[in-house]
């Protein structure tokens, strides 16, 4: 009997491992929805920022020339927006309507 007690190793039981996995699963279920919410929030902020950039450049164009720009391409031609900014604005469906930047 003494021999059995000496060779017994200390280790986690199956029940302890199951409890740990359950706790980790609960934490993952709590964290994942928050990550997707944060991603959506960041996307909205980025979209609004891009609209504000285009609107700012439209205002600058109007202040400099006394005329309203009719398109994003006109801002690119006059170097108020870069080609990359124009491409991003187009991909985000930002249009110039009556001198204002609007998302369609």
PDB file of N, CA and C in Angstrom:
ATOM      1  N   UNK A   1       0.812  -1.177   0.000  1.00  0.00           N
ATOM      2  CA  UNK A   1       0.000   0.000   0.000  1.00  0.00           C
ATOM      3  C   UNK A   1       0.867   1.256   0.000  1.00  0.00           C
ATOM      4  N   UNK A   2       1.949   1.218   0.714  1.00  0.00           N
ATOM      5  CA  UNK A   2       2.840   2.367   0.751  1.00  0.00           C
ATOM      6  C   UNK A   2       3.453   2.632  -0.621  1.00  0.00           C
ATOM      7  N   UNK A   3       3.678   1.610  -1.365  1.00  0.00           N
ATOM      8  CA  UNK A   3       4.276   1.744  -2.684  1.00  0.00           C
ATOM      9  C   UNK A   3       3.367   2.535  -3.627  1.00  0.00           C
ATOM     10  N   UNK A   4       2.072   2.332  -3.550  1.00  0.00           N
ATOM     11  CA  UNK A   4       1.125   3.034  -4.406  1.00  0.00           C
ATOM     12  C   UNK A   4       1.085   4.524  -4.092  1.00  0.00           C
ATOM     13  N   UNK A   5       1.154   4.886  -2.848  1.00  0.00           N
ATOM     14  CA  UNK A   5       1.104   6.296  -2.469  1.00  0.00           C
ATOM     15  C   UNK A   5       2.341   7.047  -2.931  1.00  0.00           C
ATOM     16  N   UNK A   6       3.476   6.419  -2.964  1.00  0.00           N
ATOM     17  CA  UNK A   6       4.704   7.082  -3.365  1.00  0.00           C
ATOM     18  C   UNK A   6       4.755   7.344  -4.869  1.00  0.00           C
ATOM     19  N   UNK A   7       4.160   6.496  -5.663  1.00  0.00           N
ATOM     20  CA  UNK A   7       4.231   6.652  -7.113  1.00  0.00           C
ATOM     21  C   UNK A   7       3.102   7.517  -7.679  1.00  0.00           C
ATOM     22  N   UNK A   8       2.179   7.915  -6.854  1.00  0.00           N
ATOM     23  CA  UNK A   8       1.061   8.727  -7.339  1.00  0.00           C
ATOM     24  C   UNK A   8       1.568  10.121  -7.722  1.00  0.00           C
ATOM     25  N   UNK A   9       1.220  10.563  -8.911  1.00  0.00           N
ATOM     26  CA  UNK A   9       1.639  11.871  -9.402  1.00  0.00           C
ATOM     27  C   UNK A   9       0.537  12.894  -9.174  1.00  0.00           C
ATOM     28  N   UNK A  10       0.956  14.101  -8.984  1.00  0.00           N
ATOM     29  CA  UNK A  10      -0.020  15.182  -8.840  1.00  0.00           C
ATOM     30  C   UNK A  10      -0.293  15.727 -10.248  1.00  0.00           C
ATOM     31  N   UNK A  11      -1.558  15.768 -10.624  1.00  0.00           N
ATOM     32  CA  UNK A  11      -1.932  16.248 -11.952  1.00  0.00           C
ATOM     33  C   UNK A  11      -3.366  16.765 -11.906  1.00  0.00           C
ATOM     34  N   UNK A  12      -3.769  17.424 -12.976  1.00  0.00           N
ATOM     35  CA  UNK A  12      -5.137  17.912 -13.058  1.00  0.00           C
ATOM     36  C   UNK A  12      -6.067  16.750 -13.366  1.00  0.00           C
ATOM     37  N   UNK A  13      -7.225  16.766 -12.743  1.00  0.00           N
ATOM     38  CA  UNK A  13      -8.211  15.728 -13.032  1.00  0.00           C
ATOM     39  C   UNK A  13      -8.998  16.140 -14.271  1.00  0.00           C
ATOM     40  N   UNK A  14      -9.715  15.210 -14.803  1.00  0.00           N
ATOM     41  CA  UNK A  14     -10.543  15.474 -15.974  1.00  0.00           C
ATOM     42  C   UNK A  14     -11.599  16.532 -15.654  1.00  0.00           C
ATOM     43  N   UNK A  15     -12.156  16.483 -14.473  1.00  0.00           N
ATOM     44  CA  UNK A  15     -13.158  17.459 -14.062  1.00  0.00           C
ATOM     45  C   UNK A  15     -12.560  18.864 -13.993  1.00  0.00           C
ATOM     46  N   UNK A  16     -11.378  19.000 -13.449  1.00  0.00           N
ATOM     47  CA  UNK A  16     -10.724  20.307 -13.375  1.00  0.00           C
ATOM     48  C   UNK A  16     -10.450  20.863 -14.775  1.00  0.00           C
ATOM     49  N   UNK A  17     -10.003  20.018 -15.659  1.00  0.00           N
ATOM     50  CA  UNK A  17      -9.747  20.458 -17.034  1.00  0.00           C
ATOM     51  C   UNK A  17     -11.043  20.883 -17.728  1.00  0.00           C
ATOM     52  N   UNK A  18     -12.125  20.139 -17.489  1.00  0.00           N
ATOM     53  CA  UNK A  18     -13.412  20.486 -18.088  1.00  0.00           C
ATOM     54  C   UNK A  18     -13.896  21.844 -17.577  1.00  0.00           C
ATOM     55  N   UNK A  19     -13.710  22.106 -16.291  1.00  0.00           N
ATOM     56  CA  UNK A  19     -14.116  23.390 -15.717  1.00  0.00           C
ATOM     57  C   UNK A  19     -13.304  24.531 -16.328  1.00  0.00           C
ATOM     58  N   UNK A  20     -12.009  24.345 -16.475  1.00  0.00           N
ATOM     59  CA  UNK A  20     -11.152  25.373 -17.072  1.00  0.00           C
ATOM     60  C   UNK A  20     -11.583  25.653 -18.512  1.00  0.00           C
ATOM     61  N   UNK A  21     -11.831  24.611 -19.286  1.00  0.00           N
ATOM     62  CA  UNK A  21     -12.275  24.801 -20.670  1.00  0.00           C
ATOM     63  C   UNK A  21     -13.627  25.509 -20.735  1.00  0.00           C
ATOM     64  N   UNK A  22     -14.509  25.196 -19.800  1.00  0.00           N
ATOM     65  CA  UNK A  22     -15.810  25.855 -19.744  1.00  0.00           C
ATOM     66  C   UNK A  22     -15.648  27.348 -19.459  1.00  0.00           C
ATOM     67  N   UNK A  23     -14.788  27.695 -18.527  1.00  0.00           N
ATOM     68  CA  UNK A  23     -14.556  29.103 -18.188  1.00  0.00           C
ATOM     69  C   UNK A  23     -13.944  29.848 -19.377  1.00  0.00           C
ATOM     70  N   UNK A  24     -12.988  29.231 -20.042  1.00  0.00           N
ATOM     71  CA  UNK A  24     -12.376  29.854 -21.221  1.00  0.00           C
ATOM     72  C   UNK A  24     -13.424  30.065 -22.314  1.00  0.00           C
ATOM     73  N   UNK A  25     -14.295  29.090 -22.507  1.00  0.00           N
ATOM     74  CA  UNK A  25     -15.358  29.218 -23.512  1.00  0.00           C
ATOM     75  C   UNK A  25     -16.289  30.378 -23.182  1.00  0.00           C
ATOM     76  N   UNK A  26     -16.638  30.527 -21.913  1.00  0.00           N
ATOM     77  CA  UNK A  26     -17.494  31.645 -21.512  1.00  0.00           C
ATOM     78  C   UNK A  26     -16.823  32.985 -21.783  1.00  0.00           C
ATOM     79  N   UNK A  27     -15.543  33.077 -21.481  1.00  0.00           N
ATOM     80  CA  UNK A  27     -14.814  34.320 -21.734  1.00  0.00           C
ATOM     81  C   UNK A  27     -14.779  34.649 -23.226  1.00  0.00           C
ATOM     82  N   UNK A  28     -14.577  33.645 -24.055  1.00  0.00           N
ATOM     83  CA  UNK A  28     -14.564  33.855 -25.506  1.00  0.00           C
ATOM     84  C   UNK A  28     -15.937  34.328 -25.979  1.00  0.00           C
ATOM     85  N   UNK A  29     -16.995  33.734 -25.447  1.00  0.00           N
ATOM     86  CA  UNK A  29     -18.348  34.145 -25.836  1.00  0.00           C
ATOM     87  C   UNK A  29     -18.652  35.582 -25.412  1.00  0.00           C
ATOM     88  N   UNK A  30     -18.037  36.038 -24.347  1.00  0.00           N
ATOM     89  CA  UNK A  30     -18.240  37.409 -23.895  1.00  0.00           C
ATOM     90  C   UNK A  30     -17.427  38.389 -24.738  1.00  0.00           C
ATOM     91  N   UNK A  31     -16.200  38.029 -25.089  1.00  0.00           N
ATOM     92  CA  UNK A  31     -15.285  38.946 -25.770  1.00  0.00           C
ATOM     93  C   UNK A  31     -15.602  39.101 -27.257  1.00  0.00           C
ATOM     94  N   UNK A  32     -15.938  38.045 -27.952  1.00  0.00           N
ATOM     95  CA  UNK A  32     -16.135  38.110 -29.407  1.00  0.00           C
ATOM     96  C   UNK A  32     -17.211  39.102 -29.849  1.00  0.00           C
ATOM     97  N   UNK A  33     -18.385  39.131 -29.238  1.00  0.00           N
ATOM     98  CA  UNK A  33     -19.369  40.137 -29.671  1.00  0.00           C
ATOM     99  C   UNK A  33     -18.875  41.566 -29.473  1.00  0.00           C
ATOM    100  N   UNK A  34     -18.114  41.804 -28.426  1.00  0.00           N
ATOM    101  CA  UNK A  34     -17.571  43.146 -28.198  1.00  0.00           C
ATOM    102  C   UNK A  34     -16.580  43.528 -29.287  1.00  0.00           C
ATOM    103  N   UNK A  35     -15.801  42.585 -29.765  1.00  0.00           N
ATOM    104  CA  UNK A  35     -14.843  42.876 -30.830  1.00  0.00           C
ATOM    105  C   UNK A  35     -15.553  43.283 -32.112  1.00  0.00           C
ATOM    106  N   UNK A  36     -16.610  42.572 -32.462  1.00  0.00           N
ATOM    107  CA  UNK A  36     -17.331  42.913 -33.690  1.00  0.00           C
ATOM    108  C   UNK A  36     -18.024  44.266 -33.556  1.00  0.00           C
ATOM    109  N   UNK A  37     -18.523  44.581 -32.372  1.00  0.00           N
ATOM    110  CA  UNK A  37     -19.142  45.884 -32.145  1.00  0.00           C
ATOM    111  C   UNK A  37     -18.113  46.997 -32.284  1.00  0.00           C
ATOM    112  N   UNK A  38     -16.932  46.786 -31.737  1.00  0.00           N
ATOM    113  CA  UNK A  38     -15.872  47.781 -31.839  1.00  0.00           C
ATOM    114  C   UNK A  38     -15.427  47.969 -33.289  1.00  0.00           C
ATOM    115  N   UNK A  39     -15.376  46.882 -34.049  1.00  0.00           N
ATOM    116  CA  UNK A  39     -14.995  46.970 -35.463  1.00  0.00           C
ATOM    117  C   UNK A  39     -16.025  47.788 -36.242  1.00  0.00           C
ATOM    118  N   UNK A  40     -17.308  47.544 -35.989  1.00  0.00           N
ATOM    119  CA  UNK A  40     -18.359  48.304 -36.664  1.00  0.00           C
ATOM    120  C   UNK A  40     -18.278  49.787 -36.301  1.00  0.00           C
ATOM    121  N   UNK A  41     -18.021  50.064 -35.034  1.00  0.00           N
ATOM    122  CA  UNK A  41     -17.901  51.449 -34.577  1.00  0.00           C
ATOM    123  C   UNK A  41     -16.718  52.137 -35.261  1.00  0.00           C
ATOM    124  N   UNK A  42     -15.605  51.450 -35.352  1.00  0.00           N
ATOM    125  CA  UNK A  42     -14.415  52.016 -36.002  1.00  0.00           C
ATOM    126  C   UNK A  42     -14.672  52.270 -37.483  1.00  0.00           C
ATOM    127  N   UNK A  43     -15.399  51.377 -38.135  1.00  0.00           N
ATOM    128  CA  UNK A  43     -15.727  51.550 -39.551  1.00  0.00           C
ATOM    129  C   UNK A  43     -16.590  52.795 -39.758  1.00  0.00           C
ATOM    130  N   UNK A  44     -17.574  52.999 -38.895  1.00  0.00           N
ATOM    131  CA  UNK A  44     -18.432  54.184 -39.010  1.00  0.00           C
ATOM    132  C   UNK A  44     -17.628  55.463 -38.813  1.00  0.00           C
ATOM    133  N   UNK A  45     -16.724  55.447 -37.839  1.00  0.00           N
ATOM    134  CA  UNK A  45     -15.892  56.627 -37.598  1.00  0.00           C
ATOM    135  C   UNK A  45     -15.022  56.916 -38.818  1.00  0.00           C
ATOM    136  N   UNK A  46     -14.461  55.859 -39.416  1.00  0.00           N
ATOM    137  CA  UNK A  46     -13.621  56.037 -40.600  1.00  0.00           C
ATOM    138  C   UNK A  46     -14.434  56.603 -41.766  1.00  0.00           C
ATOM    139  N   UNK A  47     -15.641  56.091 -41.967  1.00  0.00           N
ATOM    140  CA  UNK A  47     -16.486  56.591 -43.054  1.00  0.00           C
ATOM    141  C   UNK A  47     -16.817  58.068 -42.852  1.00  0.00           C
ATOM    142  N   UNK A  48     -17.150  58.441 -41.630  1.00  0.00           N
ATOM    143  CA  UNK A  48     -17.448  59.851 -41.347  1.00  0.00           C
ATOM    144  C   UNK A  48     -16.215  60.724 -41.544  1.00  0.00           C
ATOM    145  N   UNK A  49     -15.055  60.204 -41.172  1.00  0.00           N
ATOM    146  CA  UNK A  49     -13.815  60.966 -41.343  1.00  0.00           C
ATOM    147  C   UNK A  49     -13.537  61.212 -42.821  1.00  0.00           C
ATOM    148  N   UNK A  50     -13.759  60.206 -43.655  1.00  0.00           N
ATOM    149  CA  UNK A  50     -13.515  60.372 -45.088  1.00  0.00           C
ATOM    150  C   UNK A  50     -14.483  61.391 -45.690  1.00  0.00           C
ATOM    151  N   UNK A  51     -15.730  61.351 -45.260  1.00  0.00           N
ATOM    152  CA  UNK A  51     -16.705  62.337 -45.728  1.00  0.00           C
ATOM    153  C   UNK A  51     -16.279  63.742 -45.306  1.00  0.00           C
ATOM    154  N   UNK A  52     -15.777  63.869 -44.088  1.00  0.00           N
ATOM    155  CA  UNK A  52     -15.310  65.176 -43.600  1.00  0.00           C
ATOM    156  C   UNK A  52     -14.099  65.674 -44.385  1.00  0.00           C
ATOM    157  N   UNK A  53     -13.202  64.766 -44.770  1.00  0.00           N
ATOM    158  CA  UNK A  53     -12.037  65.155 -45.573  1.00  0.00           C
ATOM    159  C   UNK A  53     -12.494  65.721 -46.913  1.00  0.00           C
ATOM    160  N   UNK A  54     -13.404  65.019 -47.571  1.00  0.00           N
ATOM    161  CA  UNK A  54     -13.895  65.487 -48.875  1.00  0.00           C
ATOM    162  C   UNK A  54     -14.606  66.830 -48.713  1.00  0.00           C
ATOM    163  N   UNK A  55     -15.419  66.960 -47.661  1.00  0.00           N
ATOM    164  CA  UNK A  55     -16.135  68.218 -47.446  1.00  0.00           C
ATOM    165  C   UNK A  55     -15.162  69.365 -47.179  1.00  0.00           C
ATOM    166  N   UNK A  56     -14.132  69.110 -46.405  1.00  0.00           N
ATOM    167  CA  UNK A  56     -13.128  70.142 -46.130  1.00  0.00           C
ATOM    168  C   UNK A  56     -12.448  70.593 -47.414  1.00  0.00           C
ATOM    169  N   UNK A  57     -12.118  69.641 -48.266  1.00  0.00           N
ATOM    170  CA  UNK A  57     -11.463  69.985 -49.527  1.00  0.00           C
ATOM    171  C   UNK A  57     -12.425  70.721 -50.463  1.00  0.00           C
ATOM    172  N   UNK A  58     -13.700  70.366 -50.425  1.00  0.00           N
ATOM    173  CA  UNK A  58     -14.695  71.107 -51.211  1.00  0.00           C
ATOM    174  C   UNK A  58     -14.771  72.562 -50.742  1.00  0.00           C
ATOM    175  N   UNK A  59     -14.759  72.754 -49.433  1.00  0.00           N
ATOM    176  CA  UNK A  59     -14.796  74.113 -48.882  1.00  0.00           C
ATOM    177  C   UNK A  59     -13.546  74.901 -49.263  1.00  0.00           C
ATOM    178  N   UNK A  60     -12.382  74.259 -49.195  1.00  0.00           N
ATOM    179  CA  UNK A  60     -11.141  74.930 -49.585  1.00  0.00           C
ATOM    180  C   UNK A  60     -11.170  75.330 -51.059  1.00  0.00           C
ATOM    181  N   UNK A  61     -11.652  74.419 -51.894  1.00  0.00           N
ATOM    182  CA  UNK A  61     -11.750  74.706 -53.332  1.00  0.00           C
ATOM    183  C   UNK A  61     -12.650  75.922 -53.568  1.00  0.00           C
ATOM    184  N   UNK A  62     -13.785  75.943 -52.887  1.00  0.00           N
ATOM    185  CA  UNK A  62     -14.718  77.059 -53.060  1.00  0.00           C
ATOM    186  C   UNK A  62     -14.105  78.369 -52.552  1.00  0.00           C
ATOM    187  N   UNK A  63     -13.393  78.315 -51.433  1.00  0.00           N
ATOM    188  CA  UNK A  63     -12.743  79.525 -50.907  1.00  0.00           C
ATOM    189  C   UNK A  63     -11.653  80.038 -51.845  1.00  0.00           C
ATOM    190  N   UNK A  64     -10.903  79.108 -52.437  1.00  0.00           N
ATOM    191  CA  UNK A  64      -9.794  79.502 -53.313  1.00  0.00           C
ATOM    192  C   UNK A  64     -10.259  80.004 -54.676  1.00  0.00           C
ATOM    193  N   UNK A  65     -11.280  79.357 -55.237  1.00  0.00           N
ATOM    194  CA  UNK A  65     -11.686  79.671 -56.611  1.00  0.00           C
ATOM    195  C   UNK A  65     -12.959  80.510 -56.702  1.00  0.00           C
ATOM    196  N   UNK A  66     -13.742  80.521 -55.655  1.00  0.00           N
ATOM    197  CA  UNK A  66     -15.023  81.225 -55.702  1.00  0.00           C
ATOM    198  C   UNK A  66     -16.112  80.425 -56.382  1.00  0.00           C
ATOM    199  N   UNK A  67     -15.803  79.184 -56.770  1.00  0.00           N
ATOM    200  CA  UNK A  67     -16.776  78.314 -57.431  1.00  0.00           C
ATOM    201  C   UNK A  67     -16.871  77.002 -56.657  1.00  0.00           C
ATOM    202  N   UNK A  68     -17.999  76.342 -56.798  1.00  0.00           N
ATOM    203  CA  UNK A  68     -18.170  75.034 -56.164  1.00  0.00           C
ATOM    204  C   UNK A  68     -17.635  73.941 -57.083  1.00  0.00           C
ATOM    205  N   UNK A  69     -16.949  72.993 -56.491  1.00  0.00           N
ATOM    206  CA  UNK A  69     -16.510  71.823 -57.261  1.00  0.00           C
ATOM    207  C   UNK A  69     -17.731  70.957 -57.546  1.00  0.00           C
ATOM    208  N   UNK A  70     -17.762  70.377 -58.730  1.00  0.00           N
ATOM    209  CA  UNK A  70     -18.906  69.573 -59.137  1.00  0.00           C
ATOM    210  C   UNK A  70     -18.686  68.076 -58.969  1.00  0.00           C
ATOM    211  N   UNK A  71     -17.421  67.694 -58.736  1.00  0.00           N
ATOM    212  CA  UNK A  71     -17.139  66.264 -58.601  1.00  0.00           C
ATOM    213  C   UNK A  71     -15.842  66.056 -57.827  1.00  0.00           C
ATOM    214  N   UNK A  72     -15.647  64.843 -57.411  1.00  0.00           N
ATOM    215  CA  UNK A  72     -14.400  64.476 -56.735  1.00  0.00           C
ATOM    216  C   UNK A  72     -13.245  64.547 -57.728  1.00  0.00           C
ATOM    217  N   UNK A  73     -13.510  64.196 -58.981  1.00  0.00           N
ATOM    218  CA  UNK A  73     -12.463  64.262 -60.010  1.00  0.00           C
ATOM    219  C   UNK A  73     -11.935  65.687 -60.183  1.00  0.00           C
ATOM    220  N   UNK A  74     -12.812  66.653 -60.059  1.00  0.00           N
ATOM    221  CA  UNK A  74     -12.398  68.051 -60.168  1.00  0.00           C
ATOM    222  C   UNK A  74     -11.447  68.416 -59.018  1.00  0.00           C
ATOM    223  N   UNK A  75     -11.691  67.868 -57.843  1.00  0.00           N
ATOM    224  CA  UNK A  75     -10.786  68.105 -56.711  1.00  0.00           C
ATOM    225  C   UNK A  75      -9.427  67.464 -56.951  1.00  0.00           C
ATOM    226  N   UNK A  76      -9.424  66.296 -57.581  1.00  0.00           N
ATOM    227  CA  UNK A  76      -8.157  65.615 -57.883  1.00  0.00           C
ATOM    228  C   UNK A  76      -7.385  66.400 -58.940  1.00  0.00           C
ATOM    229  N   UNK A  77      -8.073  66.854 -59.976  1.00  0.00           N
ATOM    230  CA  UNK A  77      -7.420  67.615 -61.054  1.00  0.00           C
ATOM    231  C   UNK A  77      -6.747  68.880 -60.531  1.00  0.00           C
ATOM    232  N   UNK A  78      -7.354  69.495 -59.545  1.00  0.00           N
ATOM    233  CA  UNK A  78      -6.811  70.733 -58.978  1.00  0.00           C
ATOM    234  C   UNK A  78      -5.978  70.482 -57.720  1.00  0.00           C
ATOM    235  N   UNK A  79      -5.640  69.243 -57.481  1.00  0.00           N
ATOM    236  CA  UNK A  79      -4.753  68.803 -56.402  1.00  0.00           C
ATOM    237  C   UNK A  79      -5.274  69.128 -55.002  1.00  0.00           C
ATOM    238  N   UNK A  80      -6.576  69.051 -54.831  1.00  0.00           N
ATOM    239  CA  UNK A  80      -7.161  69.192 -53.498  1.00  0.00           C
ATOM    240  C   UNK A  80      -7.324  67.825 -52.832  1.00  0.00           C
ATOM    241  N   UNK A  81      -7.383  66.782 -53.633  1.00  0.00           N
ATOM    242  CA  UNK A  81      -7.412  65.400 -53.143  1.00  0.00           C
ATOM    243  C   UNK A  81      -6.381  64.596 -53.918  1.00  0.00           C
ATOM    244  N   UNK A  82      -5.817  63.596 -53.262  1.00  0.00           N
ATOM    245  CA  UNK A  82      -4.922  62.682 -53.974  1.00  0.00           C
ATOM    246  C   UNK A  82      -5.765  61.631 -54.687  1.00  0.00           C
ATOM    247  N   UNK A  83      -5.138  60.927 -55.605  1.00  0.00           N
ATOM    248  CA  UNK A  83      -5.844  59.858 -56.318  1.00  0.00           C
ATOM    249  C   UNK A  83      -6.289  58.774 -55.347  1.00  0.00           C
ATOM    250  N   UNK A  84      -5.460  58.492 -54.344  1.00  0.00           N
ATOM    251  CA  UNK A  84      -5.814  57.467 -53.350  1.00  0.00           C
ATOM    252  C   UNK A  84      -7.027  57.905 -52.528  1.00  0.00           C
ATOM    253  N   UNK A  85      -7.072  59.179 -52.151  1.00  0.00           N
ATOM    254  CA  UNK A  85      -8.226  59.684 -51.408  1.00  0.00           C
ATOM    255  C   UNK A  85      -9.487  59.626 -52.266  1.00  0.00           C
ATOM    256  N   UNK A  86      -9.357  59.979 -53.529  1.00  0.00           N
ATOM    257  CA  UNK A  86     -10.506  59.940 -54.432  1.00  0.00           C
ATOM    258  C   UNK A  86     -11.006  58.513 -54.612  1.00  0.00           C
ATOM    259  N   UNK A  87     -10.078  57.580 -54.741  1.00  0.00           N
ATOM    260  CA  UNK A  87     -10.465  56.178 -54.890  1.00  0.00           C
ATOM    261  C   UNK A  87     -11.184  55.686 -53.641  1.00  0.00           C
ATOM    262  N   UNK A  88     -10.673  56.056 -52.477  1.00  0.00           N
ATOM    263  CA  UNK A  88     -11.302  55.650 -51.218  1.00  0.00           C
ATOM    264  C   UNK A  88     -12.688  56.269 -51.089  1.00  0.00           C
ATOM    265  N   UNK A  89     -12.811  57.543 -51.442  1.00  0.00           N
ATOM    266  CA  UNK A  89     -14.109  58.218 -51.377  1.00  0.00           C
ATOM    267  C   UNK A  89     -15.108  57.559 -52.322  1.00  0.00           C
ATOM    268  N   UNK A  90     -14.650  57.203 -53.505  1.00  0.00           N
ATOM    269  CA  UNK A  90     -15.522  56.533 -54.469  1.00  0.00           C
ATOM    270  C   UNK A  90     -15.944  55.164 -53.962  1.00  0.00           C
ATOM    271  N   UNK A  91     -15.010  54.428 -53.370  1.00  0.00           N
ATOM    272  CA  UNK A  91     -15.345  53.093 -52.857  1.00  0.00           C
ATOM    273  C   UNK A  91     -16.311  53.169 -51.677  1.00  0.00           C
ATOM    274  N   UNK A  92     -16.313  54.300 -50.972  1.00  0.00           N
ATOM    275  CA  UNK A  92     -17.240  54.487 -49.852  1.00  0.00           C
ATOM    276  C   UNK A  92     -18.520  55.205 -50.284  1.00  0.00           C
ATOM    277  N   UNK A  93     -18.706  55.338 -51.609  1.00  0.00           N
ATOM    278  CA  UNK A  93     -19.922  55.914 -52.200  1.00  0.00           C
ATOM    279  C   UNK A  93     -20.151  57.361 -51.760  1.00  0.00           C
ATOM    280  N   UNK A  94     -19.083  58.125 -51.694  1.00  0.00           N
ATOM    281  CA  UNK A  94     -19.188  59.548 -51.378  1.00  0.00           C
ATOM    282  C   UNK A  94     -19.275  60.308 -52.696  1.00  0.00           C
ATOM    283  N   UNK A  95     -20.285  61.137 -52.824  1.00  0.00           N
ATOM    284  CA  UNK A  95     -20.520  61.919 -54.041  1.00  0.00           C
ATOM    285  C   UNK A  95     -20.592  63.397 -53.681  1.00  0.00           C
ATOM    286  N   UNK A  96     -20.352  64.244 -54.670  1.00  0.00           N
ATOM    287  CA  UNK A  96     -20.518  65.684 -54.495  1.00  0.00           C
ATOM    288  C   UNK A  96     -21.896  66.049 -55.028  1.00  0.00           C
ATOM    289  N   UNK A  97     -22.740  66.592 -54.147  1.00  0.00           N
ATOM    290  CA  UNK A  97     -24.093  67.000 -54.520  1.00  0.00           C
ATOM    291  C   UNK A  97     -24.284  68.440 -54.058  1.00  0.00           C
ATOM    292  N   UNK A  98     -24.442  69.347 -55.025  1.00  0.00           N
ATOM    293  CA  UNK A  98     -24.626  70.775 -54.724  1.00  0.00           C
ATOM    294  C   UNK A  98     -23.523  71.326 -53.819  1.00  0.00           C
ATOM    295  N   UNK A  99     -22.307  70.950 -54.097  1.00  0.00           N
ATOM    296  CA  UNK A  99     -21.177  71.464 -53.336  1.00  0.00           C
ATOM    297  C   UNK A  99     -20.984  70.839 -51.969  1.00  0.00           C
ATOM    298  N   UNK A 100     -21.711  69.783 -51.675  1.00  0.00           N
ATOM    299  CA  UNK A 100     -21.610  69.099 -50.384  1.00  0.00           C
ATOM    300  C   UNK A 100     -21.216  67.641 -50.603  1.00  0.00           C
ATOM    301  N   UNK A 101     -20.411  67.118 -49.686  1.00  0.00           N
ATOM    302  CA  UNK A 101     -20.035  65.703 -49.738  1.00  0.00           C
ATOM    303  C   UNK A 101     -21.136  64.893 -49.071  1.00  0.00           C
ATOM    304  N   UNK A 102     -21.677  63.947 -49.817  1.00  0.00           N
ATOM    305  CA  UNK A 102     -22.754  63.107 -49.284  1.00  0.00           C
ATOM    306  C   UNK A 102     -22.469  61.652 -49.585  1.00  0.00           C
ATOM    307  N   UNK A 103     -22.848  60.814 -48.661  1.00  0.00           N
ATOM    308  CA  UNK A 103     -22.719  59.368 -48.835  1.00  0.00           C
ATOM    309  C   UNK A 103     -24.020  58.849 -49.441  1.00  0.00           C
ATOM    310  N   UNK A 104     -23.873  58.116 -50.521  1.00  0.00           N
ATOM    311  CA  UNK A 104     -25.060  57.567 -51.203  1.00  0.00           C
ATOM    312  C   UNK A 104     -25.269  56.124 -50.830  1.00  0.00           C
TER     313      UNK A 104
END
